[in-house]
Amino acid sequence: MVRQRVEETLIEVKDRLITAFVEDHTSHEVAFSYSLGVFITALPSLGTGLLVFIALAFLFDRISKIALFASVVVLNPVVKWGVYGASYSLGRLILGPVPGVTFSRADVSLSAGPDILVRLWLGNLILAIIFAVVGYFVALRVVNEFRRRVHSDDHPDTAFPTEPATDE
């Protein structure tokens, strides 16, 4: 009796997760939402990215809120330090080193700040675009594969949109 109840509960949870994951969005909308979230999260926004997410979710019905917020899991605060380091290195590679700034000197003046930030932002923008493009294709593949598996398991109560919904 307890085992049957646990199995029924697990099935119900699985069905609700499937419904929550797919929402009413096409695969492309979910992938775009995730990609947009990755782009915003990769930028050095000092925590304001969450406010942008909330505004986008409120303003646009076709954005998958779950996919948008899922990007935070991938580019979490621990990972972002590595992204910032790579961003500065990429910006430095493109624009060259900042005059008077070396890794061996600890006496960097504040006047070097704007040059350092330009390199950080340039590298970060390039990486954010790369992450967003890769994220789009990865998310698209994951969503399509997920939906294919759900369809093969015969979940008749889970309908997936195939075309973008039109506002009525």
Protein backbone atom coordinates (compact mmCIF):
# COMPACT_ATOMS: atom_id res chain seq x y z
CA MET A 1 0.00 0.00 0.00
CA VAL A 2 2.75 2.46 0.93
CA ARG A 3 4.81 1.42 -2.09
CA GLN A 4 1.87 2.02 -4.44
CA ARG A 5 1.24 5.44 -2.90
CA VAL A 6 4.93 6.39 -3.32
CA GLU A 7 4.86 5.26 -6.96
CA GLU A 8 1.69 7.27 -7.63
CA THR A 9 3.26 10.32 -6.01
CA LEU A 10 6.43 9.93 -8.07
CA ILE A 11 4.40 9.67 -11.27
CA GLU A 12 2.43 12.79 -10.33
CA VAL A 13 5.63 14.71 -9.54
CA LYS A 14 7.17 13.59 -12.83
CA ASP A 15 4.11 14.70 -14.79
CA ARG A 16 4.08 18.09 -13.07
CA LEU A 17 7.80 18.57 -13.75
CA ILE A 18 7.27 17.69 -17.39
CA THR A 19 4.41 20.17 -17.64
CA ALA A 20 6.44 22.85 -15.85
CA PHE A 21 9.47 22.23 -18.06
CA VAL A 22 7.68 22.48 -21.37
CA GLU A 23 5.14 25.13 -20.38
CA ASP A 24 3.38 26.51 -23.46
CA HIS A 25 6.50 27.29 -25.45
CA THR A 26 8.02 25.82 -28.57
CA SER A 27 11.48 24.30 -28.47
CA HIS A 28 12.91 27.41 -30.12
CA GLU A 29 11.30 29.70 -27.55
CA VAL A 30 12.70 27.64 -24.69
CA ALA A 31 16.16 27.55 -26.30
CA PHE A 32 16.06 31.30 -27.02
CA SER A 33 14.97 32.04 -23.45
CA TYR A 34 17.82 29.96 -22.06
CA SER A 35 20.28 31.58 -24.47
CA LEU A 36 19.10 35.05 -23.49
CA GLY A 37 19.48 34.13 -19.84
CA VAL A 38 23.02 32.87 -20.44
CA PHE A 39 23.90 36.09 -22.26
CA ILE A 40 22.57 38.30 -19.47
CA THR A 41 24.10 36.15 -16.74
CA ALA A 42 27.52 36.15 -18.42
CA LEU A 43 27.68 39.95 -18.45
CA PRO A 44 29.20 41.72 -15.45
CA SER A 45 25.89 43.08 -14.19
CA LEU A 46 26.72 43.08 -10.46
CA GLY A 47 23.54 41.20 -9.64
CA THR A 48 21.14 43.34 -11.66
CA GLY A 49 20.66 40.49 -14.14
CA LEU A 50 17.95 39.08 -11.88
CA LEU A 51 16.00 42.33 -12.19
CA VAL A 52 16.34 42.14 -15.97
CA PHE A 53 15.04 38.55 -15.86
CA ILE A 54 12.00 39.61 -13.85
CA ALA A 55 11.28 42.50 -16.23
CA LEU A 56 11.63 40.28 -19.32
CA ALA A 57 9.43 37.57 -17.82
CA PHE A 58 6.80 40.17 -16.97
CA LEU A 59 6.89 41.96 -20.34
CA PHE A 60 7.10 39.04 -22.78
CA ASP A 61 4.73 36.06 -22.68
CA ARG A 62 6.80 34.02 -25.14
CA ILE A 63 9.82 33.88 -22.84
CA SER A 64 10.11 30.64 -20.92
CA LYS A 65 10.60 31.69 -17.33
CA ILE A 66 12.00 28.31 -16.32
CA ALA A 67 14.58 28.32 -19.12
CA LEU A 68 15.50 31.96 -18.44
CA PHE A 69 16.15 31.37 -14.75
CA ALA A 70 17.86 28.00 -15.42
CA SER A 71 20.79 29.88 -16.93
CA VAL A 72 21.72 31.11 -13.45
CA VAL A 73 22.47 27.51 -12.47
CA VAL A 74 25.09 27.23 -15.21
CA LEU A 75 26.73 30.62 -14.74
CA ASN A 76 26.52 30.82 -10.98
CA PRO A 77 28.63 33.20 -8.87
CA VAL A 78 31.38 30.61 -8.40
CA VAL A 79 31.79 30.08 -12.15
CA LYS A 80 31.56 33.78 -13.00
CA TRP A 81 34.98 34.53 -11.46
CA GLY A 82 36.52 32.24 -14.07
CA VAL A 83 34.49 33.97 -16.77
CA TYR A 84 35.74 37.37 -15.56
CA GLY A 85 39.34 36.16 -15.64
CA ALA A 86 38.90 34.75 -19.13
CA SER A 87 37.11 37.94 -20.21
CA TYR A 88 39.96 40.17 -19.09
CA SER A 89 42.52 37.87 -20.73
CA LEU A 90 40.57 37.91 -24.00
CA GLY A 91 40.18 41.70 -23.90
CA ARG A 92 43.88 42.04 -23.13
CA LEU A 93 44.71 39.75 -26.04
CA ILE A 94 42.62 41.90 -28.41
CA LEU A 95 43.49 45.38 -27.13
CA GLY A 96 46.92 44.69 -25.69
CA PRO A 97 48.15 45.08 -22.13
CA VAL A 98 47.25 48.07 -20.02
CA PRO A 99 50.30 50.39 -19.80
CA GLY A 100 51.91 50.14 -16.38
CA VAL A 101 49.89 47.12 -15.24
CA THR A 102 51.56 43.75 -14.76
CA PHE A 103 50.63 40.77 -12.66
CA SER A 104 53.85 41.08 -10.70
CA ARG A 105 53.22 44.68 -9.59
CA ALA A 106 50.89 45.33 -6.71
CA ASP A 107 50.96 49.13 -7.04
CA VAL A 108 48.39 49.67 -9.81
CA SER A 109 46.93 53.15 -9.79
CA LEU A 110 43.25 53.95 -10.13
CA SER A 111 43.98 55.72 -13.41
CA ALA A 112 44.40 52.26 -15.01
CA GLY A 113 40.82 51.35 -14.01
CA PRO A 114 39.05 52.48 -17.18
CA ASP A 115 41.55 50.63 -19.40
CA ILE A 116 41.15 47.47 -17.34
CA LEU A 117 37.35 47.72 -17.44
CA VAL A 118 37.31 48.20 -21.22
CA ARG A 119 39.31 45.00 -21.63
CA LEU A 120 37.07 43.16 -19.18
CA TRP A 121 33.85 44.35 -20.85
CA LEU A 122 35.07 43.66 -24.40
CA GLY A 123 36.18 40.14 -23.51
CA ASN A 124 33.03 39.57 -21.51
CA LEU A 125 30.77 40.69 -24.34
CA ILE A 126 32.52 38.34 -26.76
CA LEU A 127 32.31 35.42 -24.32
CA ALA A 128 28.65 36.20 -23.54
CA ILE A 129 27.80 36.04 -27.25
CA ILE A 130 29.68 32.75 -27.65
CA PHE A 131 28.04 31.27 -24.55
CA ALA A 132 24.60 32.40 -25.75
CA VAL A 133 25.00 30.86 -29.21
CA VAL A 134 26.32 27.59 -27.81
CA GLY A 135 23.65 27.65 -25.09
CA TYR A 136 20.91 28.06 -27.69
CA PHE A 137 21.94 24.99 -29.65
CA VAL A 138 22.55 22.88 -26.54
CA ALA A 139 19.19 23.88 -25.04
CA LEU A 140 17.40 23.25 -28.34
CA ARG A 141 18.87 19.78 -28.54
CA VAL A 142 18.09 18.99 -24.88
CA VAL A 143 14.48 20.21 -25.16
CA ASN A 144 13.88 18.31 -28.41
CA GLU A 145 15.39 15.14 -26.96
CA PHE A 146 13.38 15.55 -23.76
CA ARG A 147 10.16 16.00 -25.71
CA ARG A 148 10.97 13.05 -27.96
CA ARG A 149 11.44 10.83 -24.91
CA VAL A 150 8.25 12.07 -23.30
CA HIS A 151 6.32 11.37 -26.50
CA SER A 152 7.78 7.88 -26.73
CA ASP A 153 6.66 7.19 -23.15
CA ASP A 154 3.07 8.06 -24.16
CA HIS A 155 2.15 10.92 -21.90
CA PRO A 156 -1.21 11.77 -23.49
CA ASP A 157 -1.96 14.64 -21.13
CA THR A 158 1.20 16.53 -22.04
CA ALA A 159 0.81 18.60 -25.20
CA PHE A 160 3.78 20.32 -26.75
CA PRO A 161 3.41 23.37 -28.96
CA THR A 162 4.88 22.96 -32.40
CA GLU A 163 4.26 26.45 -33.70
CA PRO A 164 4.64 29.78 -31.93
CA ALA A 165 1.40 30.68 -30.24
CA THR A 166 -0.44 33.66 -31.60
CA ASP A 167 -1.85 36.28 -29.29
CA GLU A 168 -5.61 36.33 -29.54
